[in-house]
Amino acid sequence: MAAIHRVRLQRLARWSLVLLAAASGPAPASAQDAPDDAAMATALALQSAYERVAAAAFESVVAITAYRRVDEDAAAAAPRAGWRTADEDRYPGYRRQRAGSGFVVSADGFLFTAYDVLTDPETGEELDLIDVEIHRRHLRARLVGAEPNLDLAVIKIEPPLPLRPITIADADAVRVGHLVVALGDPDGAERTFVPGVVSGQPERECYQDQLSATLIQTTAPVHPEAFGGPLVDIRGRVIGINRPPGVAASPIAPGGYAGVGYALPINLAMTLYEPLVALESKRSPWLGIAVLPMSKPLRERIGDDEVTGIYIDSLFDPSPASRADIRVGDVLAKLDGEPVFSVQAFQRWLYFAGVGKPVRVVVFRDGEYLEKDLVIEQRPPEAVPR
C-alpha cells in the first residue's frame, strides 16, 4: 500500500507541474527567437510618423466632382436605371462626369487640383459645374486659372470660415529614397493614403520641351480620383501634385499604374500660382524655347565665365523665337530690360506678360549681345512636350 501511495503522489506532483506551467504561459523562447525590440521600435516610430502625416495633411485635402449640364426634359424622359445619388438632388439639371482631388493653398479658399479633373474626358472641354467637398460640406467652385500643358488648375471656393492651407515644402530638396505619401479624397467616403519612396527626382526646371523630366516619380501608384491631390513628405508637407503620367509612362491596366506615381513639383506650381490667380488665364503662353540654368559646363561651352542668364538648349520651329532668329546655344540675358537670373524667374515672367504681349529680349551669342523683338503666343497644339 505504501508503494502504491508513493506512485500516486509522484503522479500528482507531475500533474501539478503541468498545470502550473499551463497557468503561467508558454516557456520563454530562446534568445534567437526573441522579438527584435529595436526593429519593432522602428516600425512603431514609422507608424506614428504616418499618423502625423494624416493628421497634418488630410484636413487640407478636398474631394472635387465636375458636372455636365443636361437638358432636364430629355433627362426626365430617359431616366437612368440603377442607384440614384445625392449628387443628382444636389444639382438638378447636372450629371457627374469626373471626380478627383485637390488641396487648400490659401485660407480664403484658393485650391490646387488637376486640370484634367475639370474637363470632359471625350472632348477635353471644361465642364459646367465644380463641386468641392470639404469637412463634409459641399461648396460650388469656379475655375480661376489653368496651365493645361502641366495639368494644373487653380479653383476658388467661398468658405464660411477660414480654411487651413496645406504646408508647402521645398521640392528641390527631394531625393531618391525619400519617404512620401500620395493623398487623395475620391468621391464618397473613401480616402487614399499610399506610402512610397521617391524613385526619380526632377532633372529639369523648364517643362516647355521635356515635361517628363520635370516630374517627381515615386513608387506610390495614384488612384485616378486622387489626381490633383497632394504628394507629401514624411512631415506631411506638400512636395508635389499627383497627376497622370501623360507622356512619361503608359497605363498597364484600366485606371491604374503598376508601382509608379507621378507628381508635378510644388515649386513649379507655386511659380505659376500668383500669375494664374492675378490674370485668371487658362492659356499656355510660350516663346518656343526650353531653357537651363547656367552651369560651369555651359559657361565653358559658350566661352564666357561672367555672362548671366539662362541657356537655350532647344527651340521649336516655327515659333516666336525661331522667327526672331533666336538659336539653340544662345543665352537669354534680359526680358524687357530686366536681367534674367533663373528658370523660375523666366517662367513667372512669361505668365505675367501673357499671350499677345510684344517683348524685347536680349540674347548673348558669340561674345556679343543681340536685341530681338517678338510677341508671346499661345502654345500651338502641335508643340506637344516630350
Protein backbone atom coordinates (compact mmCIF):
# COMPACT_ATOMS: atom_id res chain seq x y z
CA MET A 1 0.00 0.00 0.00
CA ALA A 2 2.85 2.40 0.78
CA ALA A 3 4.36 1.83 -2.68
CA ILE A 4 1.03 2.49 -4.35
CA HIS A 5 0.69 5.68 -2.29
CA ARG A 6 4.13 6.89 -3.38
CA VAL A 7 3.28 6.32 -7.04
CA ARG A 8 0.09 8.33 -6.66
CA LEU A 9 1.99 11.19 -5.01
CA GLN A 10 4.55 11.21 -7.83
CA ARG A 11 1.79 11.34 -10.47
CA LEU A 12 0.07 14.15 -8.57
CA ALA A 13 3.31 16.11 -8.44
CA ARG A 14 3.85 15.72 -12.16
CA TRP A 15 0.29 16.87 -12.94
CA SER A 16 0.75 19.84 -10.61
CA LEU A 17 3.84 20.89 -12.55
CA VAL A 18 1.95 20.58 -15.86
CA LEU A 19 -0.95 22.67 -14.57
CA LEU A 20 1.43 25.31 -13.15
CA ALA A 21 3.23 25.58 -16.49
CA ALA A 22 -0.04 25.94 -18.36
CA ALA A 23 -1.23 28.64 -16.00
CA SER A 24 2.00 30.62 -16.29
CA GLY A 25 2.02 30.64 -20.13
CA PRO A 26 4.42 29.22 -22.68
CA ALA A 27 8.02 28.66 -21.85
CA PRO A 28 10.32 31.55 -22.76
CA ALA A 29 11.75 31.41 -26.27
CA SER A 30 15.42 31.09 -26.88
CA ALA A 31 17.44 34.25 -27.44
CA GLN A 32 17.41 33.79 -31.21
CA ASP A 33 13.60 33.52 -31.24
CA ALA A 34 13.04 36.66 -29.10
CA PRO A 35 11.44 39.63 -30.91
CA ASP A 36 13.83 42.35 -32.14
CA ASP A 37 12.84 45.24 -29.89
CA ALA A 38 14.82 47.74 -31.99
CA ALA A 39 13.06 46.69 -35.21
CA MET A 40 9.67 46.90 -33.52
CA ALA A 41 10.50 50.35 -32.16
CA THR A 42 11.48 51.48 -35.66
CA ALA A 43 8.24 50.10 -37.12
CA LEU A 44 6.15 51.81 -34.43
CA ALA A 45 8.01 55.08 -34.99
CA LEU A 46 7.25 54.90 -38.73
CA GLN A 47 3.62 54.09 -37.97
CA SER A 48 3.46 57.11 -35.67
CA ALA A 49 5.02 59.27 -38.38
CA TYR A 50 2.34 58.17 -40.86
CA GLU A 51 -0.35 59.02 -38.30
CA ARG A 52 1.11 62.51 -38.01
CA VAL A 53 1.16 62.84 -41.82
CA ALA A 54 -2.55 62.03 -41.97
CA ALA A 55 -3.36 64.43 -39.14
CA ALA A 56 -1.30 67.26 -40.66
CA ALA A 57 -2.36 66.99 -44.28
CA PHE A 58 -5.81 65.44 -44.64
CA GLU A 59 -7.55 68.49 -43.17
CA SER A 60 -6.44 70.41 -46.27
CA VAL A 61 -7.34 67.71 -48.84
CA VAL A 62 -10.65 68.02 -50.69
CA ALA A 63 -12.83 65.94 -53.00
CA ILE A 64 -13.66 67.52 -56.35
CA THR A 65 -16.51 66.49 -58.66
CA ALA A 66 -17.20 68.07 -62.04
CA TYR A 67 -20.61 68.01 -63.75
CA ARG A 68 -22.04 68.47 -67.21
CA ARG A 69 -25.28 70.41 -67.67
CA VAL A 70 -28.05 68.26 -69.17
CA ASP A 71 -31.42 69.04 -70.68
CA GLU A 72 -33.89 68.44 -67.84
CA ASP A 73 -36.77 67.44 -70.13
CA ALA A 74 -34.58 64.96 -72.00
CA ALA A 75 -33.21 63.60 -68.73
CA ALA A 76 -36.71 63.15 -67.34
CA ALA A 77 -37.85 61.39 -70.49
CA ALA A 78 -34.95 58.94 -70.36
CA PRO A 79 -34.21 58.31 -66.68
CA ARG A 80 -31.17 56.24 -65.86
CA ALA A 81 -31.54 52.82 -64.26
CA GLY A 82 -29.70 51.90 -61.09
CA TRP A 83 -28.83 53.70 -57.89
CA ARG A 84 -29.66 57.36 -57.52
CA THR A 85 -27.27 59.51 -55.53
CA ALA A 86 -27.44 62.69 -53.52
CA ASP A 87 -25.42 64.38 -56.28
CA GLU A 88 -28.46 64.29 -58.58
CA ASP A 89 -30.62 66.02 -55.98
CA ARG A 90 -27.85 68.46 -55.01
CA TYR A 91 -27.50 69.84 -58.54
CA PRO A 92 -30.68 69.28 -60.56
CA GLY A 93 -30.03 69.51 -64.27
CA TYR A 94 -26.41 68.34 -63.95
CA ARG A 95 -24.79 64.94 -64.16
CA ARG A 96 -21.47 63.84 -62.72
CA GLN A 97 -18.68 63.50 -65.29
CA ARG A 98 -15.34 63.47 -63.48
CA ALA A 99 -14.01 63.22 -59.95
CA GLY A 100 -10.63 63.92 -58.43
CA SER A 101 -8.90 65.56 -55.51
CA GLY A 102 -7.35 68.87 -54.58
CA PHE A 103 -5.91 70.74 -51.63
CA VAL A 104 -6.14 74.12 -49.92
CA VAL A 105 -3.48 76.69 -50.83
CA SER A 106 -4.89 79.73 -49.03
CA ALA A 107 -7.19 80.31 -46.07
CA ASP A 108 -9.63 82.30 -48.24
CA GLY A 109 -10.38 79.34 -50.50
CA PHE A 110 -7.90 79.01 -53.36
CA LEU A 111 -7.19 75.36 -54.19
CA PHE A 112 -4.87 73.41 -56.47
CA THR A 113 -6.15 70.48 -58.49
CA ALA A 114 -5.53 68.73 -61.80
CA TYR A 115 -7.00 70.49 -64.83
CA ASP A 116 -7.90 67.11 -66.31
CA VAL A 117 -10.41 66.59 -63.47
CA LEU A 118 -12.39 69.62 -64.68
CA THR A 119 -12.67 68.65 -68.35
CA ASP A 120 -14.83 66.32 -70.41
CA PRO A 121 -12.98 63.02 -70.92
CA GLU A 122 -14.09 62.81 -74.55
CA THR A 123 -13.98 66.39 -75.84
CA GLY A 124 -11.48 67.99 -73.46
CA GLU A 125 -13.88 70.90 -72.94
CA GLU A 126 -14.28 72.42 -69.49
CA LEU A 127 -17.26 71.07 -67.60
CA ASP A 128 -20.09 73.26 -66.35
CA LEU A 129 -20.08 72.90 -62.58
CA ILE A 130 -17.38 72.17 -59.99
CA ASP A 131 -18.29 70.80 -56.56
CA VAL A 132 -15.81 70.75 -53.68
CA GLU A 133 -16.45 68.59 -50.63
CA ILE A 134 -14.51 69.76 -47.59
CA HIS A 135 -15.20 68.92 -43.96
CA ARG A 136 -18.41 67.15 -45.10
CA ARG A 137 -19.74 70.32 -46.70
CA HIS A 138 -20.36 70.79 -50.42
CA LEU A 139 -19.42 74.13 -51.98
CA ARG A 140 -19.52 75.26 -55.59
CA ALA A 141 -16.19 76.36 -57.02
CA ARG A 142 -15.10 78.36 -60.04
CA LEU A 143 -12.11 77.76 -62.25
CA VAL A 144 -9.73 80.69 -61.76
CA GLY A 145 -6.78 79.81 -63.97
CA ALA A 146 -5.07 76.84 -65.56
CA GLU A 147 -1.97 75.64 -67.35
CA PRO A 148 -3.32 72.76 -69.46
CA ASN A 149 0.12 71.50 -70.50
CA LEU A 150 1.02 70.93 -66.85
CA ASP A 151 -2.45 69.58 -65.96
CA LEU A 152 -2.56 72.32 -63.33
CA ALA A 153 -5.61 74.30 -62.25
CA VAL A 154 -6.45 76.84 -59.55
CA ILE A 155 -10.05 76.89 -58.36
CA LYS A 156 -11.80 79.08 -55.78
CA ILE A 157 -14.49 78.39 -53.20
CA GLU A 158 -16.13 80.78 -50.75
CA PRO A 159 -15.72 79.04 -47.38
CA PRO A 160 -17.90 80.10 -44.44
CA LEU A 161 -14.80 80.06 -42.20
CA PRO A 162 -11.07 80.38 -42.95
CA LEU A 163 -9.53 77.15 -44.19
CA ARG A 164 -6.31 75.50 -43.15
CA PRO A 165 -3.80 75.70 -46.02
CA ILE A 166 -1.50 72.75 -46.53
CA THR A 167 2.12 73.29 -45.50
CA ILE A 168 4.40 73.69 -48.52
CA ALA A 169 7.89 72.18 -48.64
CA ASP A 170 10.81 72.77 -50.99
CA ALA A 171 10.53 70.25 -53.84
CA ASP A 172 14.13 71.00 -54.82
CA ALA A 173 15.19 69.13 -51.67
CA VAL A 174 13.55 65.89 -52.87
CA ARG A 175 15.98 63.00 -53.29
CA VAL A 176 15.63 59.42 -54.48
CA GLY A 177 14.76 57.23 -51.50
CA HIS A 178 12.87 59.91 -49.54
CA LEU A 179 9.64 58.69 -47.97
CA VAL A 180 6.46 60.16 -49.48
CA VAL A 181 2.70 59.65 -49.28
CA ALA A 182 0.22 60.22 -52.11
CA LEU A 183 -3.03 61.55 -50.63
CA GLY A 184 -6.43 61.81 -52.26
CA ASP A 185 -10.10 62.18 -51.46
CA PRO A 186 -12.15 60.35 -54.11
CA ASP A 187 -15.86 61.00 -54.40
CA GLY A 188 -17.72 59.42 -51.47
CA ALA A 189 -16.45 58.19 -48.14
CA GLU A 190 -13.12 56.86 -49.44
CA ARG A 191 -9.72 58.41 -48.90
CA THR A 192 -6.43 57.27 -50.32
CA PHE A 193 -3.19 57.16 -48.33
CA VAL A 194 -0.46 55.45 -50.36
CA PRO A 195 3.08 55.44 -48.90
CA GLY A 196 6.09 55.07 -51.14
CA VAL A 197 9.53 56.47 -51.85
CA VAL A 198 10.88 58.84 -54.46
CA SER A 199 12.24 56.76 -57.33
CA GLY A 200 13.15 59.63 -59.65
CA GLN A 201 13.74 63.29 -58.89
CA PRO A 202 13.20 66.11 -61.41
CA GLU A 203 16.10 66.69 -63.77
CA ARG A 204 14.85 69.97 -65.24
CA GLU A 205 13.07 73.12 -64.09
CA CYS A 206 11.70 74.08 -67.52
CA TYR A 207 8.81 71.96 -68.79
CA GLN A 208 8.46 73.56 -72.24
CA ASP A 209 10.15 70.68 -74.08
CA GLN A 210 10.84 67.69 -71.81
CA LEU A 211 7.84 67.69 -69.49
CA SER A 212 8.53 64.21 -68.13
CA ALA A 213 11.94 65.37 -66.89
CA THR A 214 10.29 67.94 -64.60
CA LEU A 215 8.12 65.41 -62.72
CA ILE A 216 8.71 63.63 -59.42
CA GLN A 217 8.47 59.85 -59.85
CA THR A 218 7.53 57.63 -56.90
CA THR A 219 6.67 54.06 -56.01
CA ALA A 220 3.23 55.20 -54.80
CA PRO A 221 0.67 54.37 -57.51
CA VAL A 222 -2.05 57.01 -57.60
CA HIS A 223 -5.77 56.23 -57.77
CA PRO A 224 -7.30 58.13 -60.73
CA GLU A 225 -9.61 60.03 -58.37
CA ALA A 226 -6.58 61.10 -56.31
CA PHE A 227 -5.20 63.07 -59.28
CA GLY A 228 -4.95 66.69 -58.17
CA GLY A 229 -4.30 65.68 -54.57
CA PRO A 230 -1.01 66.33 -52.76
CA LEU A 231 2.13 64.26 -52.66
CA VAL A 232 3.56 64.93 -49.21
CA ASP A 233 6.82 64.20 -47.42
CA ILE A 234 7.15 62.32 -44.12
CA ARG A 235 6.34 65.55 -42.26
CA GLY A 236 3.04 65.97 -44.10
CA ARG A 237 4.27 68.91 -46.23
CA VAL A 238 3.30 69.01 -49.88
CA ILE A 239 6.11 68.50 -52.38
CA GLY A 240 4.01 67.81 -55.48
CA ILE A 241 0.59 67.46 -57.10
CA ASN A 242 -0.49 63.95 -58.09
CA ARG A 243 -1.06 63.73 -61.83
CA PRO A 244 -1.48 61.20 -64.64
CA PRO A 245 1.81 60.14 -66.20
CA GLY A 246 0.90 61.60 -69.60
CA VAL A 247 3.93 61.36 -71.84
CA ALA A 248 6.01 59.89 -69.04
CA ALA A 249 4.50 56.38 -69.00
CA SER A 250 1.68 54.24 -70.27
CA PRO A 251 -1.12 52.62 -68.26
CA ILE A 252 -0.83 48.89 -67.79
CA ALA A 253 -4.43 48.43 -66.71
CA PRO A 254 -7.63 50.49 -66.95
CA GLY A 255 -7.48 53.24 -64.34
CA GLY A 256 -4.23 52.16 -62.74
CA TYR A 257 -0.47 52.01 -62.95
CA ALA A 258 1.83 49.33 -61.58
CA GLY A 259 4.05 50.56 -58.78
CA VAL A 260 4.59 54.05 -60.16
CA GLY A 261 3.23 57.51 -59.50
CA TYR A 262 3.98 60.97 -60.85
CA ALA A 263 3.68 64.43 -59.33
CA LEU A 264 4.20 67.97 -60.56
CA PRO A 265 6.75 69.62 -58.22
CA ILE A 266 5.07 72.12 -55.93
CA ASN A 267 7.82 74.69 -56.64
CA LEU A 268 6.79 74.83 -60.30
CA ALA A 269 3.11 75.04 -59.36
CA MET A 270 3.77 77.89 -56.93
CA THR A 271 5.83 79.74 -59.56
CA LEU A 272 2.67 79.94 -61.69
CA TYR A 273 0.15 80.31 -58.85
CA GLU A 274 0.31 84.10 -58.50
CA PRO A 275 0.06 84.93 -62.24
CA LEU A 276 -2.74 82.38 -62.72
CA VAL A 277 -4.71 83.97 -59.88
CA ALA A 278 -3.94 87.55 -60.89
CA LEU A 279 -4.64 87.19 -64.61
CA GLU A 280 -7.17 84.31 -64.46
CA SER A 281 -5.57 82.89 -67.58
CA LYS A 282 -6.33 79.43 -69.00
CA ARG A 283 -3.94 79.68 -71.94
CA SER A 284 -0.35 78.50 -72.19
CA PRO A 285 1.97 81.34 -73.22
CA TRP A 286 5.20 80.46 -74.96
CA LEU A 287 8.15 81.69 -76.97
CA GLY A 288 9.10 78.28 -78.34
CA ILE A 289 12.25 77.73 -76.27
CA ALA A 290 13.33 75.44 -73.45
CA VAL A 291 15.99 76.68 -71.07
CA LEU A 292 18.51 75.51 -68.48
CA PRO A 293 20.12 77.35 -65.56
CA MET A 294 23.69 78.43 -66.20
CA SER A 295 26.33 75.97 -65.01
CA LYS A 296 30.09 75.66 -65.23
CA PRO A 297 29.96 73.22 -68.20
CA LEU A 298 27.58 75.56 -70.06
CA ARG A 299 29.82 78.55 -69.39
CA GLU A 300 32.73 76.57 -70.80
CA ARG A 301 30.63 75.73 -73.85
CA ILE A 302 29.83 79.38 -74.62
CA GLY A 303 33.33 80.52 -73.68
CA ASP A 304 32.40 83.15 -71.10
CA ASP A 305 32.68 82.82 -67.32
CA GLU A 306 30.81 86.01 -66.46
CA VAL A 307 27.70 86.11 -68.65
CA THR A 308 24.43 85.87 -66.71
CA GLY A 309 21.12 84.49 -67.93
CA ILE A 310 19.63 81.12 -68.84
CA TYR A 311 20.84 78.79 -71.56
CA ILE A 312 18.55 77.97 -74.53
CA ASP A 313 19.03 74.24 -75.10
CA SER A 314 16.15 73.54 -77.52
CA LEU A 315 13.88 75.50 -79.84
CA PHE A 316 10.62 74.73 -81.63
CA ASP A 317 10.20 75.73 -85.26
CA PRO A 318 8.03 77.58 -86.16
CA SER A 319 7.71 79.73 -83.04
CA PRO A 320 8.15 83.36 -81.95
CA ALA A 321 11.77 82.58 -81.04
CA SER A 322 12.64 80.87 -84.33
CA ARG A 323 11.10 83.72 -86.36
CA ALA A 324 13.23 86.19 -84.38
CA ASP A 325 16.39 84.20 -85.22
CA ILE A 326 16.95 83.07 -81.66
CA ARG A 327 19.07 79.91 -81.70
CA VAL A 328 19.96 76.89 -79.61
CA GLY A 329 23.07 77.82 -77.64
CA ASP A 330 22.06 81.45 -77.10
CA VAL A 331 21.92 82.78 -73.55
CA LEU A 332 18.71 84.62 -72.69
CA ALA A 333 20.07 87.57 -70.70
CA LYS A 334 17.22 90.11 -70.47
CA LEU A 335 13.46 90.31 -70.84
CA ASP A 336 12.02 93.77 -71.47
CA GLY A 337 15.10 95.34 -69.91
CA GLU A 338 15.15 93.14 -66.79
CA PRO A 339 18.02 90.68 -66.19
CA VAL A 340 17.08 87.00 -66.10
CA PHE A 341 18.83 85.04 -63.37
CA SER A 342 16.81 81.80 -63.15
CA VAL A 343 14.49 79.46 -64.98
CA GLN A 344 11.85 80.14 -62.33
CA ALA A 345 12.01 83.88 -62.96
CA PHE A 346 11.66 83.31 -66.72
CA GLN A 347 8.55 81.14 -66.32
CA ARG A 348 6.95 83.56 -63.88
CA TRP A 349 7.63 86.49 -66.19
CA LEU A 350 6.19 84.60 -69.18
CA TYR A 351 2.83 84.07 -67.45
CA PHE A 352 2.58 87.59 -66.07
CA ALA A 353 3.30 89.01 -69.56
CA GLY A 354 0.68 86.74 -71.16
CA VAL A 355 -0.35 85.80 -74.67
CA GLY A 356 -0.20 88.68 -77.17
CA LYS A 357 2.41 90.72 -75.30
CA PRO A 358 5.15 92.29 -77.52
CA VAL A 359 8.52 91.87 -75.81
CA ARG A 360 12.14 92.74 -76.41
CA VAL A 361 14.68 90.12 -75.39
CA VAL A 362 18.46 90.29 -75.23
CA VAL A 363 20.48 87.17 -76.02
CA PHE A 364 24.21 86.56 -75.74
CA ARG A 365 25.82 84.85 -78.73
CA ASP A 366 29.45 84.52 -79.83
CA GLY A 367 30.68 87.15 -77.41
CA GLU A 368 28.08 89.84 -78.13
CA TYR A 369 24.59 90.83 -77.00
CA LEU A 370 21.77 90.91 -79.57
CA GLU A 371 18.32 92.50 -79.18
CA LYS A 372 15.30 90.64 -80.56
CA ASP A 373 11.66 91.76 -80.77
CA LEU A 374 8.89 89.17 -80.68
CA VAL A 375 5.35 88.56 -79.49
CA ILE A 376 4.31 85.93 -76.91
CA GLU A 377 1.92 83.43 -78.50
CA GLN A 378 -0.37 80.71 -77.24
CA ARG A 379 1.30 77.32 -77.37
CA PRO A 380 0.04 75.53 -80.51
CA PRO A 381 -1.43 72.02 -80.24
CA GLU A 382 1.34 70.52 -82.37
CA ALA A 383 4.01 71.63 -79.88
CA VAL A 384 3.49 68.62 -77.64
CA PRO A 385 6.09 68.34 -74.87
CA ARG A 386 8.04 65.12 -74.67
